[in-house]
């Protein structure tokens, strides 16, 4: 992705400018100028966009925003919290329920999860199918509280495993 200036000049926007922009699939940026004669109609027929500016900073900001929008978003992982599995309850209907103590941060229903056993990641990018605090459904459980959780499509949990909650956050462009 790049910005290419294919022509520049002074004076009104001409038919030649519109023809060049149409052939190059470009946008015409006019700073304190207008098209001459019927050039605006020709630009509409050719599908050429003409943008007019009277303040240079507006033009610069809009071009920067367009370029940033063309970039693929970058994401970083943010750890939300960890919970230690203290007990496992077996249910024929929903599988293994992990009885946990939240040891740091927060465990949130809509986050992603990984299971860590003896310092090694056993499973990654998991979802919760259930999060409960005592008998009630919970959207989040904070540090120092106990909870029961069920990991979707993962039953191989053991006492002492650590369940880590994380989310992917978009890094804003600068």
C-alpha atoms as a PDB file:
ATOM      1  CA  UNK A   1       0.000   0.000   0.000  1.00  0.00           C
ATOM      2  CA  UNK A   2       1.358   3.386  -0.900  1.00  0.00           C
ATOM      3  CA  UNK A   3       0.448   6.897  -1.873  1.00  0.00           C
ATOM      4  CA  UNK A   4       1.563   7.933  -5.363  1.00  0.00           C
ATOM      5  CA  UNK A   5       1.377  11.437  -6.719  1.00  0.00           C
ATOM      6  CA  UNK A   6       0.943  11.081 -10.493  1.00  0.00           C
ATOM      7  CA  UNK A   7       0.666  14.766 -11.399  1.00  0.00           C
ATOM      8  CA  UNK A   8       0.652  18.140  -9.768  1.00  0.00           C
ATOM      9  CA  UNK A   9       0.255  21.661 -10.957  1.00  0.00           C
ATOM     10  CA  UNK A  10      -1.188  25.089 -10.366  1.00  0.00           C
ATOM     11  CA  UNK A  11      -4.375  26.624 -11.708  1.00  0.00           C
ATOM     12  CA  UNK A  12      -7.846  25.261 -12.308  1.00  0.00           C
ATOM     13  CA  UNK A  13      -8.583  21.530 -12.638  1.00  0.00           C
ATOM     14  CA  UNK A  14      -8.524  20.744 -16.378  1.00  0.00           C
ATOM     15  CA  UNK A  15      -9.831  18.080 -18.753  1.00  0.00           C
ATOM     16  CA  UNK A  16      -6.287  16.674 -18.955  1.00  0.00           C
ATOM     17  CA  UNK A  17      -6.256  16.217 -15.153  1.00  0.00           C
ATOM     18  CA  UNK A  18      -9.554  14.320 -15.299  1.00  0.00           C
ATOM     19  CA  UNK A  19      -8.371  12.125 -18.209  1.00  0.00           C
ATOM     20  CA  UNK A  20      -5.152  11.245 -16.355  1.00  0.00           C
ATOM     21  CA  UNK A  21      -7.061  10.478 -13.124  1.00  0.00           C
ATOM     22  CA  UNK A  22      -9.551   8.273 -15.009  1.00  0.00           C
ATOM     23  CA  UNK A  23      -6.750   6.322 -16.711  1.00  0.00           C
ATOM     24  CA  UNK A  24      -4.859   5.896 -13.402  1.00  0.00           C
ATOM     25  CA  UNK A  25      -7.880   5.210 -11.170  1.00  0.00           C
ATOM     26  CA  UNK A  26      -6.872   8.223  -9.064  1.00  0.00           C
ATOM     27  CA  UNK A  27      -8.517  10.927  -6.979  1.00  0.00           C
ATOM     28  CA  UNK A  28      -8.045  14.610  -7.775  1.00  0.00           C
ATOM     29  CA  UNK A  29      -7.281  16.838  -4.811  1.00  0.00           C
ATOM     30  CA  UNK A  30      -7.880  20.546  -5.371  1.00  0.00           C
ATOM     31  CA  UNK A  31      -6.497  23.093  -2.944  1.00  0.00           C
ATOM     32  CA  UNK A  32      -8.163  26.496  -3.292  1.00  0.00           C
ATOM     33  CA  UNK A  33      -9.100  25.748  -6.939  1.00  0.00           C
ATOM     34  CA  UNK A  34     -12.213  24.729  -8.899  1.00  0.00           C
ATOM     35  CA  UNK A  35     -12.628  22.833 -12.186  1.00  0.00           C
ATOM     36  CA  UNK A  36     -12.784  24.934 -15.360  1.00  0.00           C
ATOM     37  CA  UNK A  37     -15.850  24.902 -17.627  1.00  0.00           C
ATOM     38  CA  UNK A  38     -17.615  21.544 -17.829  1.00  0.00           C
ATOM     39  CA  UNK A  39     -14.737  19.572 -16.291  1.00  0.00           C
ATOM     40  CA  UNK A  40     -16.815  18.679 -13.171  1.00  0.00           C
ATOM     41  CA  UNK A  41     -19.447  17.011 -15.401  1.00  0.00           C
ATOM     42  CA  UNK A  42     -16.732  15.105 -17.274  1.00  0.00           C
ATOM     43  CA  UNK A  43     -15.297  13.889 -13.953  1.00  0.00           C
ATOM     44  CA  UNK A  44     -18.758  12.595 -12.930  1.00  0.00           C
ATOM     45  CA  UNK A  45     -19.136  10.759 -16.261  1.00  0.00           C
ATOM     46  CA  UNK A  46     -15.659   9.212 -15.944  1.00  0.00           C
ATOM     47  CA  UNK A  47     -16.212   8.262 -12.282  1.00  0.00           C
ATOM     48  CA  UNK A  48     -13.331  10.445 -11.076  1.00  0.00           C
ATOM     49  CA  UNK A  49     -13.648  11.815  -7.546  1.00  0.00           C
ATOM     50  CA  UNK A  50     -12.606  15.437  -7.028  1.00  0.00           C
ATOM     51  CA  UNK A  51     -12.004  16.601  -3.468  1.00  0.00           C
ATOM     52  CA  UNK A  52     -11.810  20.305  -2.731  1.00  0.00           C
ATOM     53  CA  UNK A  53      -9.966  21.823   0.222  1.00  0.00           C
ATOM     54  CA  UNK A  54      -9.334  25.359   1.405  1.00  0.00           C
ATOM     55  CA  UNK A  55      -7.380  24.399   4.538  1.00  0.00           C
ATOM     56  CA  UNK A  56      -4.265  22.298   3.880  1.00  0.00           C
ATOM     57  CA  UNK A  57      -4.489  20.519   7.258  1.00  0.00           C
ATOM     58  CA  UNK A  58      -7.904  19.093   6.345  1.00  0.00           C
ATOM     59  CA  UNK A  59      -6.443  17.594   3.172  1.00  0.00           C
ATOM     60  CA  UNK A  60      -3.489  16.090   5.046  1.00  0.00           C
ATOM     61  CA  UNK A  61      -5.704  14.637   7.809  1.00  0.00           C
ATOM     62  CA  UNK A  62      -8.125  13.085   5.326  1.00  0.00           C
ATOM     63  CA  UNK A  63      -5.319  11.481   3.296  1.00  0.00           C
ATOM     64  CA  UNK A  64      -3.705  10.110   6.482  1.00  0.00           C
ATOM     65  CA  UNK A  65      -7.064   8.690   7.613  1.00  0.00           C
ATOM     66  CA  UNK A  66      -7.603   7.038   4.229  1.00  0.00           C
ATOM     67  CA  UNK A  67      -4.138   5.481   4.306  1.00  0.00           C
ATOM     68  CA  UNK A  68      -4.611   4.209   7.870  1.00  0.00           C
ATOM     69  CA  UNK A  69      -7.938   2.705   6.837  1.00  0.00           C
ATOM     70  CA  UNK A  70      -6.176   0.726   4.092  1.00  0.00           C
ATOM     71  CA  UNK A  71      -3.790  -0.879   6.586  1.00  0.00           C
ATOM     72  CA  UNK A  72      -4.711  -4.191   8.121  1.00  0.00           C
ATOM     73  CA  UNK A  73      -5.456  -3.782  11.827  1.00  0.00           C
ATOM     74  CA  UNK A  74      -2.807  -4.963  14.272  1.00  0.00           C
ATOM     75  CA  UNK A  75      -3.818  -6.751  17.440  1.00  0.00           C
ATOM     76  CA  UNK A  76      -2.120  -7.372  20.750  1.00  0.00           C
ATOM     77  CA  UNK A  77      -3.036  -9.882  23.406  1.00  0.00           C
ATOM     78  CA  UNK A  78      -4.124  -8.476  26.772  1.00  0.00           C
ATOM     79  CA  UNK A  79      -4.275 -10.860  29.745  1.00  0.00           C
ATOM     80  CA  UNK A  80      -7.428 -10.308  31.793  1.00  0.00           C
ATOM     81  CA  UNK A  81      -6.855 -12.738  34.641  1.00  0.00           C
ATOM     82  CA  UNK A  82      -6.036 -16.227  35.877  1.00  0.00           C
ATOM     83  CA  UNK A  83      -7.904 -18.827  37.895  1.00  0.00           C
ATOM     84  CA  UNK A  84      -6.531 -21.971  39.499  1.00  0.00           C
ATOM     85  CA  UNK A  85      -8.574 -25.166  39.222  1.00  0.00           C
ATOM     86  CA  UNK A  86      -9.103 -26.412  42.800  1.00  0.00           C
ATOM     87  CA  UNK A  87     -11.707 -29.134  42.157  1.00  0.00           C
ATOM     88  CA  UNK A  88     -13.331 -30.919  39.237  1.00  0.00           C
ATOM     89  CA  UNK A  89     -17.004 -31.822  39.212  1.00  0.00           C
ATOM     90  CA  UNK A  90     -18.233 -34.306  36.633  1.00  0.00           C
ATOM     91  CA  UNK A  91     -21.617 -33.860  34.998  1.00  0.00           C
ATOM     92  CA  UNK A  92     -23.073 -36.301  32.494  1.00  0.00           C
ATOM     93  CA  UNK A  93     -24.979 -33.441  30.856  1.00  0.00           C
ATOM     94  CA  UNK A  94     -22.272 -30.760  30.466  1.00  0.00           C
ATOM     95  CA  UNK A  95     -18.971 -32.558  31.055  1.00  0.00           C
ATOM     96  CA  UNK A  96     -16.231 -31.483  33.448  1.00  0.00           C
ATOM     97  CA  UNK A  97     -16.896 -28.402  35.556  1.00  0.00           C
ATOM     98  CA  UNK A  98     -13.792 -26.665  36.888  1.00  0.00           C
ATOM     99  CA  UNK A  99     -14.166 -25.330  40.420  1.00  0.00           C
ATOM    100  CA  UNK A 100     -11.762 -22.373  40.416  1.00  0.00           C
ATOM    101  CA  UNK A 101     -10.368 -19.610  42.576  1.00  0.00           C
ATOM    102  CA  UNK A 102      -9.637 -16.429  40.626  1.00  0.00           C
ATOM    103  CA  UNK A 103      -6.026 -15.670  41.617  1.00  0.00           C
ATOM    104  CA  UNK A 104      -5.510 -12.483  39.575  1.00  0.00           C
ATOM    105  CA  UNK A 105      -7.499 -10.049  37.458  1.00  0.00           C
ATOM    106  CA  UNK A 106     -10.929 -11.047  36.205  1.00  0.00           C
ATOM    107  CA  UNK A 107     -12.488 -14.043  34.456  1.00  0.00           C
ATOM    108  CA  UNK A 108     -14.989 -12.808  31.848  1.00  0.00           C
ATOM    109  CA  UNK A 109     -17.588 -14.814  29.943  1.00  0.00           C
ATOM    110  CA  UNK A 110     -16.833 -13.397  26.467  1.00  0.00           C
ATOM    111  CA  UNK A 111     -13.017 -13.674  26.658  1.00  0.00           C
ATOM    112  CA  UNK A 112     -10.726 -16.319  25.132  1.00  0.00           C
ATOM    113  CA  UNK A 113      -9.006 -18.895  27.359  1.00  0.00           C
ATOM    114  CA  UNK A 114      -5.958 -21.091  27.571  1.00  0.00           C
ATOM    115  CA  UNK A 115      -5.174 -23.921  29.969  1.00  0.00           C
ATOM    116  CA  UNK A 116      -1.682 -23.962  31.515  1.00  0.00           C
ATOM    117  CA  UNK A 117      -0.373 -27.146  33.169  1.00  0.00           C
ATOM    118  CA  UNK A 118       3.048 -27.146  34.863  1.00  0.00           C
ATOM    119  CA  UNK A 119       4.031 -23.943  33.033  1.00  0.00           C
ATOM    120  CA  UNK A 120       3.147 -25.286  29.562  1.00  0.00           C
ATOM    121  CA  UNK A 121       0.111 -24.331  27.480  1.00  0.00           C
ATOM    122  CA  UNK A 122      -2.079 -27.428  27.062  1.00  0.00           C
ATOM    123  CA  UNK A 123      -4.928 -25.796  25.110  1.00  0.00           C
ATOM    124  CA  UNK A 124      -5.321 -22.339  23.602  1.00  0.00           C
ATOM    125  CA  UNK A 125      -8.036 -20.104  22.131  1.00  0.00           C
ATOM    126  CA  UNK A 126     -10.901 -21.744  24.021  1.00  0.00           C
ATOM    127  CA  UNK A 127     -14.344 -20.327  24.819  1.00  0.00           C
ATOM    128  CA  UNK A 128     -16.471 -20.729  27.920  1.00  0.00           C
ATOM    129  CA  UNK A 129     -19.800 -22.483  27.670  1.00  0.00           C
ATOM    130  CA  UNK A 130     -20.658 -21.640  31.291  1.00  0.00           C
ATOM    131  CA  UNK A 131     -19.454 -19.301  34.053  1.00  0.00           C
ATOM    132  CA  UNK A 132     -21.155 -19.436  37.444  1.00  0.00           C
ATOM    133  CA  UNK A 133     -20.680 -17.802  40.802  1.00  0.00           C
ATOM    134  CA  UNK A 134     -22.313 -20.086  43.374  1.00  0.00           C
ATOM    135  CA  UNK A 135     -25.678 -21.006  41.765  1.00  0.00           C
ATOM    136  CA  UNK A 136     -26.009 -17.943  39.524  1.00  0.00           C
ATOM    137  CA  UNK A 137     -24.778 -17.278  35.981  1.00  0.00           C
ATOM    138  CA  UNK A 138     -22.087 -14.593  35.990  1.00  0.00           C
ATOM    139  CA  UNK A 139     -20.706 -12.335  33.287  1.00  0.00           C
ATOM    140  CA  UNK A 140     -17.447 -11.897  35.211  1.00  0.00           C
ATOM    141  CA  UNK A 141     -15.768 -13.035  38.421  1.00  0.00           C
ATOM    142  CA  UNK A 142     -13.070 -10.931  40.101  1.00  0.00           C
ATOM    143  CA  UNK A 143      -9.862 -11.795  41.946  1.00  0.00           C
ATOM    144  CA  UNK A 144     -10.381 -13.489  45.306  1.00  0.00           C
ATOM    145  CA  UNK A 145     -13.722 -15.103  44.419  1.00  0.00           C
ATOM    146  CA  UNK A 146     -14.555 -18.688  43.528  1.00  0.00           C
ATOM    147  CA  UNK A 147     -16.370 -19.722  40.373  1.00  0.00           C
ATOM    148  CA  UNK A 148     -17.345 -22.730  38.325  1.00  0.00           C
ATOM    149  CA  UNK A 149     -16.563 -22.735  34.637  1.00  0.00           C
ATOM    150  CA  UNK A 150     -16.955 -25.097  31.711  1.00  0.00           C
ATOM    151  CA  UNK A 151     -14.602 -24.839  28.737  1.00  0.00           C
ATOM    152  CA  UNK A 152     -16.277 -25.457  25.375  1.00  0.00           C
ATOM    153  CA  UNK A 153     -14.856 -28.481  23.484  1.00  0.00           C
ATOM    154  CA  UNK A 154     -12.138 -29.182  26.086  1.00  0.00           C
ATOM    155  CA  UNK A 155     -12.584 -31.725  28.891  1.00  0.00           C
ATOM    156  CA  UNK A 156      -8.958 -32.633  29.739  1.00  0.00           C
ATOM    157  CA  UNK A 157      -8.648 -30.488  32.874  1.00  0.00           C
ATOM    158  CA  UNK A 158      -6.853 -31.427  36.100  1.00  0.00           C
ATOM    159  CA  UNK A 159      -6.633 -29.981  39.588  1.00  0.00           C
ATOM    160  CA  UNK A 160      -3.788 -27.475  39.733  1.00  0.00           C
ATOM    161  CA  UNK A 161      -4.223 -26.343  36.107  1.00  0.00           C
ATOM    162  CA  UNK A 162      -4.354 -22.585  35.546  1.00  0.00           C
ATOM    163  CA  UNK A 163      -7.064 -21.139  33.303  1.00  0.00           C
ATOM    164  CA  UNK A 164      -5.941 -17.825  31.786  1.00  0.00           C
ATOM    165  CA  UNK A 165      -8.396 -15.321  30.303  1.00  0.00           C
ATOM    166  CA  UNK A 166      -7.231 -12.991  27.520  1.00  0.00           C
ATOM    167  CA  UNK A 167      -8.599 -10.818  24.760  1.00  0.00           C
ATOM    168  CA  UNK A 168      -7.207  -9.463  21.525  1.00  0.00           C
ATOM    169  CA  UNK A 169      -7.204  -5.644  21.386  1.00  0.00           C
ATOM    170  CA  UNK A 170      -6.688  -3.595  18.241  1.00  0.00           C
ATOM    171  CA  UNK A 171      -3.620  -1.371  18.377  1.00  0.00           C
ATOM    172  CA  UNK A 172      -4.566   2.141  17.268  1.00  0.00           C
ATOM    173  CA  UNK A 173      -2.468   3.502  14.387  1.00  0.00           C
ATOM    174  CA  UNK A 174      -0.483   6.673  14.947  1.00  0.00           C
END
